Amino acid sequence: RRSVQTAKGIYSLLDVLTILSSNKF
């Protein structure tokens, strides 16, 4: 979903990818 076109969609994408790459589990 990297082609998302809304501000909310961009935040949701970046936020969850950041969590997946930095969580400790």
PDBML (XML) file of the C-alpha atoms, coordinates in Angstrom:
<?xml version="1.0" encoding="UTF-8" ?>
<PDBx:datablock datablockName="MODEL"
   xmlns:PDBx="http://pdbml.pdb.org/schema/pdbx-v50.xsd"
   xmlns:xsi="http://www.w3.org/2001/XMLSchema-instance"
   xsi:schemaLocation="http://pdbml.pdb.org/schema/pdbx-v50.xsd pdbx-v50.xsd">
   <PDBx:atom_siteCategory>
      <PDBx:atom_site id="1">
         <PDBx:B_iso_or_equiv>0.00</PDBx:B_iso_or_equiv>
         <PDBx:Cartn_x>0.000</PDBx:Cartn_x>
         <PDBx:Cartn_y>0.000</PDBx:Cartn_y>
         <PDBx:Cartn_z>0.000</PDBx:Cartn_z>
         <PDBx:auth_asym_id>A</PDBx:auth_asym_id>
         <PDBx:auth_atom_id>CA</PDBx:auth_atom_id>
         <PDBx:auth_comp_id>ARG</PDBx:auth_comp_id>
         <PDBx:auth_seq_id>1</PDBx:auth_seq_id>
         <PDBx:group_PDB>ATOM</PDBx:group_PDB>
         <PDBx:label_alt_id xsi:nil="true" />
         <PDBx:label_asym_id>A</PDBx:label_asym_id>
         <PDBx:label_atom_id>CA</PDBx:label_atom_id>
         <PDBx:label_comp_id>ARG</PDBx:label_comp_id>
         <PDBx:label_entity_id>1</PDBx:label_entity_id>
         <PDBx:label_seq_id>1</PDBx:label_seq_id>
         <PDBx:occupancy>1.00</PDBx:occupancy>
         <PDBx:pdbx_PDB_model_num>1</PDBx:pdbx_PDB_model_num>
         <PDBx:type_symbol>C</PDBx:type_symbol>
      </PDBx:atom_site>
      <PDBx:atom_site id="2">
         <PDBx:B_iso_or_equiv>0.00</PDBx:B_iso_or_equiv>
         <PDBx:Cartn_x>2.937</PDBx:Cartn_x>
         <PDBx:Cartn_y>2.337</PDBx:Cartn_y>
         <PDBx:Cartn_z>-0.601</PDBx:Cartn_z>
         <PDBx:auth_asym_id>A</PDBx:auth_asym_id>
         <PDBx:auth_atom_id>CA</PDBx:auth_atom_id>
         <PDBx:auth_comp_id>ARG</PDBx:auth_comp_id>
         <PDBx:auth_seq_id>2</PDBx:auth_seq_id>
         <PDBx:group_PDB>ATOM</PDBx:group_PDB>
         <PDBx:label_alt_id xsi:nil="true" />
         <PDBx:label_asym_id>A</PDBx:label_asym_id>
         <PDBx:label_atom_id>CA</PDBx:label_atom_id>
         <PDBx:label_comp_id>ARG</PDBx:label_comp_id>
         <PDBx:label_entity_id>1</PDBx:label_entity_id>
         <PDBx:label_seq_id>2</PDBx:label_seq_id>
         <PDBx:occupancy>1.00</PDBx:occupancy>
         <PDBx:pdbx_PDB_model_num>1</PDBx:pdbx_PDB_model_num>
         <PDBx:type_symbol>C</PDBx:type_symbol>
      </PDBx:atom_site>
      <PDBx:atom_site id="3">
         <PDBx:B_iso_or_equiv>0.00</PDBx:B_iso_or_equiv>
         <PDBx:Cartn_x>0.903</PDBx:Cartn_x>
         <PDBx:Cartn_y>4.203</PDBx:Cartn_y>
         <PDBx:Cartn_z>-3.214</PDBx:Cartn_z>
         <PDBx:auth_asym_id>A</PDBx:auth_asym_id>
         <PDBx:auth_atom_id>CA</PDBx:auth_atom_id>
         <PDBx:auth_comp_id>SER</PDBx:auth_comp_id>
         <PDBx:auth_seq_id>3</PDBx:auth_seq_id>
         <PDBx:group_PDB>ATOM</PDBx:group_PDB>
         <PDBx:label_alt_id xsi:nil="true" />
         <PDBx:label_asym_id>A</PDBx:label_asym_id>
         <PDBx:label_atom_id>CA</PDBx:label_atom_id>
         <PDBx:label_comp_id>SER</PDBx:label_comp_id>
         <PDBx:label_entity_id>1</PDBx:label_entity_id>
         <PDBx:label_seq_id>3</PDBx:label_seq_id>
         <PDBx:occupancy>1.00</PDBx:occupancy>
         <PDBx:pdbx_PDB_model_num>1</PDBx:pdbx_PDB_model_num>
         <PDBx:type_symbol>C</PDBx:type_symbol>
      </PDBx:atom_site>
      <PDBx:atom_site id="4">
         <PDBx:B_iso_or_equiv>0.00</PDBx:B_iso_or_equiv>
         <PDBx:Cartn_x>-1.469</PDBx:Cartn_x>
         <PDBx:Cartn_y>5.626</PDBx:Cartn_y>
         <PDBx:Cartn_z>-0.568</PDBx:Cartn_z>
         <PDBx:auth_asym_id>A</PDBx:auth_asym_id>
         <PDBx:auth_atom_id>CA</PDBx:auth_atom_id>
         <PDBx:auth_comp_id>VAL</PDBx:auth_comp_id>
         <PDBx:auth_seq_id>4</PDBx:auth_seq_id>
         <PDBx:group_PDB>ATOM</PDBx:group_PDB>
         <PDBx:label_alt_id xsi:nil="true" />
         <PDBx:label_asym_id>A</PDBx:label_asym_id>
         <PDBx:label_atom_id>CA</PDBx:label_atom_id>
         <PDBx:label_comp_id>VAL</PDBx:label_comp_id>
         <PDBx:label_entity_id>1</PDBx:label_entity_id>
         <PDBx:label_seq_id>4</PDBx:label_seq_id>
         <PDBx:occupancy>1.00</PDBx:occupancy>
         <PDBx:pdbx_PDB_model_num>1</PDBx:pdbx_PDB_model_num>
         <PDBx:type_symbol>C</PDBx:type_symbol>
      </PDBx:atom_site>
      <PDBx:atom_site id="5">
         <PDBx:B_iso_or_equiv>0.00</PDBx:B_iso_or_equiv>
         <PDBx:Cartn_x>-2.646</PDBx:Cartn_x>
         <PDBx:Cartn_y>9.159</PDBx:Cartn_y>
         <PDBx:Cartn_z>-1.395</PDBx:Cartn_z>
         <PDBx:auth_asym_id>A</PDBx:auth_asym_id>
         <PDBx:auth_atom_id>CA</PDBx:auth_atom_id>
         <PDBx:auth_comp_id>GLN</PDBx:auth_comp_id>
         <PDBx:auth_seq_id>5</PDBx:auth_seq_id>
         <PDBx:group_PDB>ATOM</PDBx:group_PDB>
         <PDBx:label_alt_id xsi:nil="true" />
         <PDBx:label_asym_id>A</PDBx:label_asym_id>
         <PDBx:label_atom_id>CA</PDBx:label_atom_id>
         <PDBx:label_comp_id>GLN</PDBx:label_comp_id>
         <PDBx:label_entity_id>1</PDBx:label_entity_id>
         <PDBx:label_seq_id>5</PDBx:label_seq_id>
         <PDBx:occupancy>1.00</PDBx:occupancy>
         <PDBx:pdbx_PDB_model_num>1</PDBx:pdbx_PDB_model_num>
         <PDBx:type_symbol>C</PDBx:type_symbol>
      </PDBx:atom_site>
      <PDBx:atom_site id="6">
         <PDBx:B_iso_or_equiv>0.00</PDBx:B_iso_or_equiv>
         <PDBx:Cartn_x>-4.018</PDBx:Cartn_x>
         <PDBx:Cartn_y>10.622</PDBx:Cartn_y>
         <PDBx:Cartn_z>1.884</PDBx:Cartn_z>
         <PDBx:auth_asym_id>A</PDBx:auth_asym_id>
         <PDBx:auth_atom_id>CA</PDBx:auth_atom_id>
         <PDBx:auth_comp_id>THR</PDBx:auth_comp_id>
         <PDBx:auth_seq_id>6</PDBx:auth_seq_id>
         <PDBx:group_PDB>ATOM</PDBx:group_PDB>
         <PDBx:label_alt_id xsi:nil="true" />
         <PDBx:label_asym_id>A</PDBx:label_asym_id>
         <PDBx:label_atom_id>CA</PDBx:label_atom_id>
         <PDBx:label_comp_id>THR</PDBx:label_comp_id>
         <PDBx:label_entity_id>1</PDBx:label_entity_id>
         <PDBx:label_seq_id>6</PDBx:label_seq_id>
         <PDBx:occupancy>1.00</PDBx:occupancy>
         <PDBx:pdbx_PDB_model_num>1</PDBx:pdbx_PDB_model_num>
         <PDBx:type_symbol>C</PDBx:type_symbol>
      </PDBx:atom_site>
      <PDBx:atom_site id="7">
         <PDBx:B_iso_or_equiv>0.00</PDBx:B_iso_or_equiv>
         <PDBx:Cartn_x>-2.316</PDBx:Cartn_x>
         <PDBx:Cartn_y>12.181</PDBx:Cartn_y>
         <PDBx:Cartn_z>4.901</PDBx:Cartn_z>
         <PDBx:auth_asym_id>A</PDBx:auth_asym_id>
         <PDBx:auth_atom_id>CA</PDBx:auth_atom_id>
         <PDBx:auth_comp_id>ALA</PDBx:auth_comp_id>
         <PDBx:auth_seq_id>7</PDBx:auth_seq_id>
         <PDBx:group_PDB>ATOM</PDBx:group_PDB>
         <PDBx:label_alt_id xsi:nil="true" />
         <PDBx:label_asym_id>A</PDBx:label_asym_id>
         <PDBx:label_atom_id>CA</PDBx:label_atom_id>
         <PDBx:label_comp_id>ALA</PDBx:label_comp_id>
         <PDBx:label_entity_id>1</PDBx:label_entity_id>
         <PDBx:label_seq_id>7</PDBx:label_seq_id>
         <PDBx:occupancy>1.00</PDBx:occupancy>
         <PDBx:pdbx_PDB_model_num>1</PDBx:pdbx_PDB_model_num>
         <PDBx:type_symbol>C</PDBx:type_symbol>
      </PDBx:atom_site>
      <PDBx:atom_site id="8">
         <PDBx:B_iso_or_equiv>0.00</PDBx:B_iso_or_equiv>
         <PDBx:Cartn_x>-3.974</PDBx:Cartn_x>
         <PDBx:Cartn_y>9.718</PDBx:Cartn_y>
         <PDBx:Cartn_z>7.277</PDBx:Cartn_z>
         <PDBx:auth_asym_id>A</PDBx:auth_asym_id>
         <PDBx:auth_atom_id>CA</PDBx:auth_atom_id>
         <PDBx:auth_comp_id>LYS</PDBx:auth_comp_id>
         <PDBx:auth_seq_id>8</PDBx:auth_seq_id>
         <PDBx:group_PDB>ATOM</PDBx:group_PDB>
         <PDBx:label_alt_id xsi:nil="true" />
         <PDBx:label_asym_id>A</PDBx:label_asym_id>
         <PDBx:label_atom_id>CA</PDBx:label_atom_id>
         <PDBx:label_comp_id>LYS</PDBx:label_comp_id>
         <PDBx:label_entity_id>1</PDBx:label_entity_id>
         <PDBx:label_seq_id>8</PDBx:label_seq_id>
         <PDBx:occupancy>1.00</PDBx:occupancy>
         <PDBx:pdbx_PDB_model_num>1</PDBx:pdbx_PDB_model_num>
         <PDBx:type_symbol>C</PDBx:type_symbol>
      </PDBx:atom_site>
      <PDBx:atom_site id="9">
         <PDBx:B_iso_or_equiv>0.00</PDBx:B_iso_or_equiv>
         <PDBx:Cartn_x>-2.980</PDBx:Cartn_x>
         <PDBx:Cartn_y>6.761</PDBx:Cartn_y>
         <PDBx:Cartn_z>5.099</PDBx:Cartn_z>
         <PDBx:auth_asym_id>A</PDBx:auth_asym_id>
         <PDBx:auth_atom_id>CA</PDBx:auth_atom_id>
         <PDBx:auth_comp_id>GLY</PDBx:auth_comp_id>
         <PDBx:auth_seq_id>9</PDBx:auth_seq_id>
         <PDBx:group_PDB>ATOM</PDBx:group_PDB>
         <PDBx:label_alt_id xsi:nil="true" />
         <PDBx:label_asym_id>A</PDBx:label_asym_id>
         <PDBx:label_atom_id>CA</PDBx:label_atom_id>
         <PDBx:label_comp_id>GLY</PDBx:label_comp_id>
         <PDBx:label_entity_id>1</PDBx:label_entity_id>
         <PDBx:label_seq_id>9</PDBx:label_seq_id>
         <PDBx:occupancy>1.00</PDBx:occupancy>
         <PDBx:pdbx_PDB_model_num>1</PDBx:pdbx_PDB_model_num>
         <PDBx:type_symbol>C</PDBx:type_symbol>
      </PDBx:atom_site>
      <PDBx:atom_site id="10">
         <PDBx:B_iso_or_equiv>0.00</PDBx:B_iso_or_equiv>
         <PDBx:Cartn_x>0.640</PDBx:Cartn_x>
         <PDBx:Cartn_y>7.930</PDBx:Cartn_y>
         <PDBx:Cartn_z>4.951</PDBx:Cartn_z>
         <PDBx:auth_asym_id>A</PDBx:auth_asym_id>
         <PDBx:auth_atom_id>CA</PDBx:auth_atom_id>
         <PDBx:auth_comp_id>ILE</PDBx:auth_comp_id>
         <PDBx:auth_seq_id>10</PDBx:auth_seq_id>
         <PDBx:group_PDB>ATOM</PDBx:group_PDB>
         <PDBx:label_alt_id xsi:nil="true" />
         <PDBx:label_asym_id>A</PDBx:label_asym_id>
         <PDBx:label_atom_id>CA</PDBx:label_atom_id>
         <PDBx:label_comp_id>ILE</PDBx:label_comp_id>
         <PDBx:label_entity_id>1</PDBx:label_entity_id>
         <PDBx:label_seq_id>10</PDBx:label_seq_id>
         <PDBx:occupancy>1.00</PDBx:occupancy>
         <PDBx:pdbx_PDB_model_num>1</PDBx:pdbx_PDB_model_num>
         <PDBx:type_symbol>C</PDBx:type_symbol>
      </PDBx:atom_site>
      <PDBx:atom_site id="11">
         <PDBx:B_iso_or_equiv>0.00</PDBx:B_iso_or_equiv>
         <PDBx:Cartn_x>0.793</PDBx:Cartn_x>
         <PDBx:Cartn_y>8.329</PDBx:Cartn_y>
         <PDBx:Cartn_z>8.730</PDBx:Cartn_z>
         <PDBx:auth_asym_id>A</PDBx:auth_asym_id>
         <PDBx:auth_atom_id>CA</PDBx:auth_atom_id>
         <PDBx:auth_comp_id>TYR</PDBx:auth_comp_id>
         <PDBx:auth_seq_id>11</PDBx:auth_seq_id>
         <PDBx:group_PDB>ATOM</PDBx:group_PDB>
         <PDBx:label_alt_id xsi:nil="true" />
         <PDBx:label_asym_id>A</PDBx:label_asym_id>
         <PDBx:label_atom_id>CA</PDBx:label_atom_id>
         <PDBx:label_comp_id>TYR</PDBx:label_comp_id>
         <PDBx:label_entity_id>1</PDBx:label_entity_id>
         <PDBx:label_seq_id>11</PDBx:label_seq_id>
         <PDBx:occupancy>1.00</PDBx:occupancy>
         <PDBx:pdbx_PDB_model_num>1</PDBx:pdbx_PDB_model_num>
         <PDBx:type_symbol>C</PDBx:type_symbol>
      </PDBx:atom_site>
      <PDBx:atom_site id="12">
         <PDBx:B_iso_or_equiv>0.00</PDBx:B_iso_or_equiv>
         <PDBx:Cartn_x>-0.805</PDBx:Cartn_x>
         <PDBx:Cartn_y>4.905</PDBx:Cartn_y>
         <PDBx:Cartn_z>9.291</PDBx:Cartn_z>
         <PDBx:auth_asym_id>A</PDBx:auth_asym_id>
         <PDBx:auth_atom_id>CA</PDBx:auth_atom_id>
         <PDBx:auth_comp_id>SER</PDBx:auth_comp_id>
         <PDBx:auth_seq_id>12</PDBx:auth_seq_id>
         <PDBx:group_PDB>ATOM</PDBx:group_PDB>
         <PDBx:label_alt_id xsi:nil="true" />
         <PDBx:label_asym_id>A</PDBx:label_asym_id>
         <PDBx:label_atom_id>CA</PDBx:label_atom_id>
         <PDBx:label_comp_id>SER</PDBx:label_comp_id>
         <PDBx:label_entity_id>1</PDBx:label_entity_id>
         <PDBx:label_seq_id>12</PDBx:label_seq_id>
         <PDBx:occupancy>1.00</PDBx:occupancy>
         <PDBx:pdbx_PDB_model_num>1</PDBx:pdbx_PDB_model_num>
         <PDBx:type_symbol>C</PDBx:type_symbol>
      </PDBx:atom_site>
      <PDBx:atom_site id="13">
         <PDBx:B_iso_or_equiv>0.00</PDBx:B_iso_or_equiv>
         <PDBx:Cartn_x>1.679</PDBx:Cartn_x>
         <PDBx:Cartn_y>3.284</PDBx:Cartn_y>
         <PDBx:Cartn_z>6.902</PDBx:Cartn_z>
         <PDBx:auth_asym_id>A</PDBx:auth_asym_id>
         <PDBx:auth_atom_id>CA</PDBx:auth_atom_id>
         <PDBx:auth_comp_id>LEU</PDBx:auth_comp_id>
         <PDBx:auth_seq_id>13</PDBx:auth_seq_id>
         <PDBx:group_PDB>ATOM</PDBx:group_PDB>
         <PDBx:label_alt_id xsi:nil="true" />
         <PDBx:label_asym_id>A</PDBx:label_asym_id>
         <PDBx:label_atom_id>CA</PDBx:label_atom_id>
         <PDBx:label_comp_id>LEU</PDBx:label_comp_id>
         <PDBx:label_entity_id>1</PDBx:label_entity_id>
         <PDBx:label_seq_id>13</PDBx:label_seq_id>
         <PDBx:occupancy>1.00</PDBx:occupancy>
         <PDBx:pdbx_PDB_model_num>1</PDBx:pdbx_PDB_model_num>
         <PDBx:type_symbol>C</PDBx:type_symbol>
      </PDBx:atom_site>
      <PDBx:atom_site id="14">
         <PDBx:B_iso_or_equiv>0.00</PDBx:B_iso_or_equiv>
         <PDBx:Cartn_x>4.787</PDBx:Cartn_x>
         <PDBx:Cartn_y>4.964</PDBx:Cartn_y>
         <PDBx:Cartn_z>8.338</PDBx:Cartn_z>
         <PDBx:auth_asym_id>A</PDBx:auth_asym_id>
         <PDBx:auth_atom_id>CA</PDBx:auth_atom_id>
         <PDBx:auth_comp_id>LEU</PDBx:auth_comp_id>
         <PDBx:auth_seq_id>14</PDBx:auth_seq_id>
         <PDBx:group_PDB>ATOM</PDBx:group_PDB>
         <PDBx:label_alt_id xsi:nil="true" />
         <PDBx:label_asym_id>A</PDBx:label_asym_id>
         <PDBx:label_atom_id>CA</PDBx:label_atom_id>
         <PDBx:label_comp_id>LEU</PDBx:label_comp_id>
         <PDBx:label_entity_id>1</PDBx:label_entity_id>
         <PDBx:label_seq_id>14</PDBx:label_seq_id>
         <PDBx:occupancy>1.00</PDBx:occupancy>
         <PDBx:pdbx_PDB_model_num>1</PDBx:pdbx_PDB_model_num>
         <PDBx:type_symbol>C</PDBx:type_symbol>
      </PDBx:atom_site>
      <PDBx:atom_site id="15">
         <PDBx:B_iso_or_equiv>0.00</PDBx:B_iso_or_equiv>
         <PDBx:Cartn_x>3.687</PDBx:Cartn_x>
         <PDBx:Cartn_y>4.457</PDBx:Cartn_y>
         <PDBx:Cartn_z>11.942</PDBx:Cartn_z>
         <PDBx:auth_asym_id>A</PDBx:auth_asym_id>
         <PDBx:auth_atom_id>CA</PDBx:auth_atom_id>
         <PDBx:auth_comp_id>ASP</PDBx:auth_comp_id>
         <PDBx:auth_seq_id>15</PDBx:auth_seq_id>
         <PDBx:group_PDB>ATOM</PDBx:group_PDB>
         <PDBx:label_alt_id xsi:nil="true" />
         <PDBx:label_asym_id>A</PDBx:label_asym_id>
         <PDBx:label_atom_id>CA</PDBx:label_atom_id>
         <PDBx:label_comp_id>ASP</PDBx:label_comp_id>
         <PDBx:label_entity_id>1</PDBx:label_entity_id>
         <PDBx:label_seq_id>15</PDBx:label_seq_id>
         <PDBx:occupancy>1.00</PDBx:occupancy>
         <PDBx:pdbx_PDB_model_num>1</PDBx:pdbx_PDB_model_num>
         <PDBx:type_symbol>C</PDBx:type_symbol>
      </PDBx:atom_site>
      <PDBx:atom_site id="16">
         <PDBx:B_iso_or_equiv>0.00</PDBx:B_iso_or_equiv>
         <PDBx:Cartn_x>3.031</PDBx:Cartn_x>
         <PDBx:Cartn_y>0.728</PDBx:Cartn_y>
         <PDBx:Cartn_z>11.654</PDBx:Cartn_z>
         <PDBx:auth_asym_id>A</PDBx:auth_asym_id>
         <PDBx:auth_atom_id>CA</PDBx:auth_atom_id>
         <PDBx:auth_comp_id>VAL</PDBx:auth_comp_id>
         <PDBx:auth_seq_id>16</PDBx:auth_seq_id>
         <PDBx:group_PDB>ATOM</PDBx:group_PDB>
         <PDBx:label_alt_id xsi:nil="true" />
         <PDBx:label_asym_id>A</PDBx:label_asym_id>
         <PDBx:label_atom_id>CA</PDBx:label_atom_id>
         <PDBx:label_comp_id>VAL</PDBx:label_comp_id>
         <PDBx:label_entity_id>1</PDBx:label_entity_id>
         <PDBx:label_seq_id>16</PDBx:label_seq_id>
         <PDBx:occupancy>1.00</PDBx:occupancy>
         <PDBx:pdbx_PDB_model_num>1</PDBx:pdbx_PDB_model_num>
         <PDBx:type_symbol>C</PDBx:type_symbol>
      </PDBx:atom_site>
      <PDBx:atom_site id="17">
         <PDBx:B_iso_or_equiv>0.00</PDBx:B_iso_or_equiv>
         <PDBx:Cartn_x>6.211</PDBx:Cartn_x>
         <PDBx:Cartn_y>0.084</PDBx:Cartn_y>
         <PDBx:Cartn_z>9.598</PDBx:Cartn_z>
         <PDBx:auth_asym_id>A</PDBx:auth_asym_id>
         <PDBx:auth_atom_id>CA</PDBx:auth_atom_id>
         <PDBx:auth_comp_id>LEU</PDBx:auth_comp_id>
         <PDBx:auth_seq_id>17</PDBx:auth_seq_id>
         <PDBx:group_PDB>ATOM</PDBx:group_PDB>
         <PDBx:label_alt_id xsi:nil="true" />
         <PDBx:label_asym_id>A</PDBx:label_asym_id>
         <PDBx:label_atom_id>CA</PDBx:label_atom_id>
         <PDBx:label_comp_id>LEU</PDBx:label_comp_id>
         <PDBx:label_entity_id>1</PDBx:label_entity_id>
         <PDBx:label_seq_id>17</PDBx:label_seq_id>
         <PDBx:occupancy>1.00</PDBx:occupancy>
         <PDBx:pdbx_PDB_model_num>1</PDBx:pdbx_PDB_model_num>
         <PDBx:type_symbol>C</PDBx:type_symbol>
      </PDBx:atom_site>
      <PDBx:atom_site id="18">
         <PDBx:B_iso_or_equiv>0.00</PDBx:B_iso_or_equiv>
         <PDBx:Cartn_x>8.231</PDBx:Cartn_x>
         <PDBx:Cartn_y>1.963</PDBx:Cartn_y>
         <PDBx:Cartn_z>12.216</PDBx:Cartn_z>
         <PDBx:auth_asym_id>A</PDBx:auth_asym_id>
         <PDBx:auth_atom_id>CA</PDBx:auth_atom_id>
         <PDBx:auth_comp_id>THR</PDBx:auth_comp_id>
         <PDBx:auth_seq_id>18</PDBx:auth_seq_id>
         <PDBx:group_PDB>ATOM</PDBx:group_PDB>
         <PDBx:label_alt_id xsi:nil="true" />
         <PDBx:label_asym_id>A</PDBx:label_asym_id>
         <PDBx:label_atom_id>CA</PDBx:label_atom_id>
         <PDBx:label_comp_id>THR</PDBx:label_comp_id>
         <PDBx:label_entity_id>1</PDBx:label_entity_id>
         <PDBx:label_seq_id>18</PDBx:label_seq_id>
         <PDBx:occupancy>1.00</PDBx:occupancy>
         <PDBx:pdbx_PDB_model_num>1</PDBx:pdbx_PDB_model_num>
         <PDBx:type_symbol>C</PDBx:type_symbol>
      </PDBx:atom_site>
      <PDBx:atom_site id="19">
         <PDBx:B_iso_or_equiv>0.00</PDBx:B_iso_or_equiv>
         <PDBx:Cartn_x>6.705</PDBx:Cartn_x>
         <PDBx:Cartn_y>-0.199</PDBx:Cartn_y>
         <PDBx:Cartn_z>14.960</PDBx:Cartn_z>
         <PDBx:auth_asym_id>A</PDBx:auth_asym_id>
         <PDBx:auth_atom_id>CA</PDBx:auth_atom_id>
         <PDBx:auth_comp_id>ILE</PDBx:auth_comp_id>
         <PDBx:auth_seq_id>19</PDBx:auth_seq_id>
         <PDBx:group_PDB>ATOM</PDBx:group_PDB>
         <PDBx:label_alt_id xsi:nil="true" />
         <PDBx:label_asym_id>A</PDBx:label_asym_id>
         <PDBx:label_atom_id>CA</PDBx:label_atom_id>
         <PDBx:label_comp_id>ILE</PDBx:label_comp_id>
         <PDBx:label_entity_id>1</PDBx:label_entity_id>
         <PDBx:label_seq_id>19</PDBx:label_seq_id>
         <PDBx:occupancy>1.00</PDBx:occupancy>
         <PDBx:pdbx_PDB_model_num>1</PDBx:pdbx_PDB_model_num>
         <PDBx:type_symbol>C</PDBx:type_symbol>
      </PDBx:atom_site>
      <PDBx:atom_site id="20">
         <PDBx:B_iso_or_equiv>0.00</PDBx:B_iso_or_equiv>
         <PDBx:Cartn_x>7.363</PDBx:Cartn_x>
         <PDBx:Cartn_y>-3.408</PDBx:Cartn_y>
         <PDBx:Cartn_z>13.027</PDBx:Cartn_z>
         <PDBx:auth_asym_id>A</PDBx:auth_asym_id>
         <PDBx:auth_atom_id>CA</PDBx:auth_atom_id>
         <PDBx:auth_comp_id>LEU</PDBx:auth_comp_id>
         <PDBx:auth_seq_id>20</PDBx:auth_seq_id>
         <PDBx:group_PDB>ATOM</PDBx:group_PDB>
         <PDBx:label_alt_id xsi:nil="true" />
         <PDBx:label_asym_id>A</PDBx:label_asym_id>
         <PDBx:label_atom_id>CA</PDBx:label_atom_id>
         <PDBx:label_comp_id>LEU</PDBx:label_comp_id>
         <PDBx:label_entity_id>1</PDBx:label_entity_id>
         <PDBx:label_seq_id>20</PDBx:label_seq_id>
         <PDBx:occupancy>1.00</PDBx:occupancy>
         <PDBx:pdbx_PDB_model_num>1</PDBx:pdbx_PDB_model_num>
         <PDBx:type_symbol>C</PDBx:type_symbol>
      </PDBx:atom_site>
      <PDBx:atom_site id="21">
         <PDBx:B_iso_or_equiv>0.00</PDBx:B_iso_or_equiv>
         <PDBx:Cartn_x>11.017</PDBx:Cartn_x>
         <PDBx:Cartn_y>-2.464</PDBx:Cartn_y>
         <PDBx:Cartn_z>12.520</PDBx:Cartn_z>
         <PDBx:auth_asym_id>A</PDBx:auth_asym_id>
         <PDBx:auth_atom_id>CA</PDBx:auth_atom_id>
         <PDBx:auth_comp_id>SER</PDBx:auth_comp_id>
         <PDBx:auth_seq_id>21</PDBx:auth_seq_id>
         <PDBx:group_PDB>ATOM</PDBx:group_PDB>
         <PDBx:label_alt_id xsi:nil="true" />
         <PDBx:label_asym_id>A</PDBx:label_asym_id>
         <PDBx:label_atom_id>CA</PDBx:label_atom_id>
         <PDBx:label_comp_id>SER</PDBx:label_comp_id>
         <PDBx:label_entity_id>1</PDBx:label_entity_id>
         <PDBx:label_seq_id>21</PDBx:label_seq_id>
         <PDBx:occupancy>1.00</PDBx:occupancy>
         <PDBx:pdbx_PDB_model_num>1</PDBx:pdbx_PDB_model_num>
         <PDBx:type_symbol>C</PDBx:type_symbol>
      </PDBx:atom_site>
      <PDBx:atom_site id="22">
         <PDBx:B_iso_or_equiv>0.00</PDBx:B_iso_or_equiv>
         <PDBx:Cartn_x>11.703</PDBx:Cartn_x>
         <PDBx:Cartn_y>-1.307</PDBx:Cartn_y>
         <PDBx:Cartn_z>16.092</PDBx:Cartn_z>
         <PDBx:auth_asym_id>A</PDBx:auth_asym_id>
         <PDBx:auth_atom_id>CA</PDBx:auth_atom_id>
         <PDBx:auth_comp_id>SER</PDBx:auth_comp_id>
         <PDBx:auth_seq_id>22</PDBx:auth_seq_id>
         <PDBx:group_PDB>ATOM</PDBx:group_PDB>
         <PDBx:label_alt_id xsi:nil="true" />
         <PDBx:label_asym_id>A</PDBx:label_asym_id>
         <PDBx:label_atom_id>CA</PDBx:label_atom_id>
         <PDBx:label_comp_id>SER</PDBx:label_comp_id>
         <PDBx:label_entity_id>1</PDBx:label_entity_id>
         <PDBx:label_seq_id>22</PDBx:label_seq_id>
         <PDBx:occupancy>1.00</PDBx:occupancy>
         <PDBx:pdbx_PDB_model_num>1</PDBx:pdbx_PDB_model_num>
         <PDBx:type_symbol>C</PDBx:type_symbol>
      </PDBx:atom_site>
      <PDBx:atom_site id="23">
         <PDBx:B_iso_or_equiv>0.00</PDBx:B_iso_or_equiv>
         <PDBx:Cartn_x>9.642</PDBx:Cartn_x>
         <PDBx:Cartn_y>-3.510</PDBx:Cartn_y>
         <PDBx:Cartn_z>18.438</PDBx:Cartn_z>
         <PDBx:auth_asym_id>A</PDBx:auth_asym_id>
         <PDBx:auth_atom_id>CA</PDBx:auth_atom_id>
         <PDBx:auth_comp_id>ASN</PDBx:auth_comp_id>
         <PDBx:auth_seq_id>23</PDBx:auth_seq_id>
         <PDBx:group_PDB>ATOM</PDBx:group_PDB>
         <PDBx:label_alt_id xsi:nil="true" />
         <PDBx:label_asym_id>A</PDBx:label_asym_id>
         <PDBx:label_atom_id>CA</PDBx:label_atom_id>
         <PDBx:label_comp_id>ASN</PDBx:label_comp_id>
         <PDBx:label_entity_id>1</PDBx:label_entity_id>
         <PDBx:label_seq_id>23</PDBx:label_seq_id>
         <PDBx:occupancy>1.00</PDBx:occupancy>
         <PDBx:pdbx_PDB_model_num>1</PDBx:pdbx_PDB_model_num>
         <PDBx:type_symbol>C</PDBx:type_symbol>
      </PDBx:atom_site>
      <PDBx:atom_site id="24">
         <PDBx:B_iso_or_equiv>0.00</PDBx:B_iso_or_equiv>
         <PDBx:Cartn_x>11.429</PDBx:Cartn_x>
         <PDBx:Cartn_y>-5.959</PDBx:Cartn_y>
         <PDBx:Cartn_z>20.726</PDBx:Cartn_z>
         <PDBx:auth_asym_id>A</PDBx:auth_asym_id>
         <PDBx:auth_atom_id>CA</PDBx:auth_atom_id>
         <PDBx:auth_comp_id>LYS</PDBx:auth_comp_id>
         <PDBx:auth_seq_id>24</PDBx:auth_seq_id>
         <PDBx:group_PDB>ATOM</PDBx:group_PDB>
         <PDBx:label_alt_id xsi:nil="true" />
         <PDBx:label_asym_id>A</PDBx:label_asym_id>
         <PDBx:label_atom_id>CA</PDBx:label_atom_id>
         <PDBx:label_comp_id>LYS</PDBx:label_comp_id>
         <PDBx:label_entity_id>1</PDBx:label_entity_id>
         <PDBx:label_seq_id>24</PDBx:label_seq_id>
         <PDBx:occupancy>1.00</PDBx:occupancy>
         <PDBx:pdbx_PDB_model_num>1</PDBx:pdbx_PDB_model_num>
         <PDBx:type_symbol>C</PDBx:type_symbol>
      </PDBx:atom_site>
      <PDBx:atom_site id="25">
         <PDBx:B_iso_or_equiv>0.00</PDBx:B_iso_or_equiv>
         <PDBx:Cartn_x>9.272</PDBx:Cartn_x>
         <PDBx:Cartn_y>-8.998</PDBx:Cartn_y>
         <PDBx:Cartn_z>20.016</PDBx:Cartn_z>
         <PDBx:auth_asym_id>A</PDBx:auth_asym_id>
         <PDBx:auth_atom_id>CA</PDBx:auth_atom_id>
         <PDBx:auth_comp_id>PHE</PDBx:auth_comp_id>
         <PDBx:auth_seq_id>25</PDBx:auth_seq_id>
         <PDBx:group_PDB>ATOM</PDBx:group_PDB>
         <PDBx:label_alt_id xsi:nil="true" />
         <PDBx:label_asym_id>A</PDBx:label_asym_id>
         <PDBx:label_atom_id>CA</PDBx:label_atom_id>
         <PDBx:label_comp_id>PHE</PDBx:label_comp_id>
         <PDBx:label_entity_id>1</PDBx:label_entity_id>
         <PDBx:label_seq_id>25</PDBx:label_seq_id>
         <PDBx:occupancy>1.00</PDBx:occupancy>
         <PDBx:pdbx_PDB_model_num>1</PDBx:pdbx_PDB_model_num>
         <PDBx:type_symbol>C</PDBx:type_symbol>
      </PDBx:atom_site>
   </PDBx:atom_siteCategory>
</PDBx:datablock>
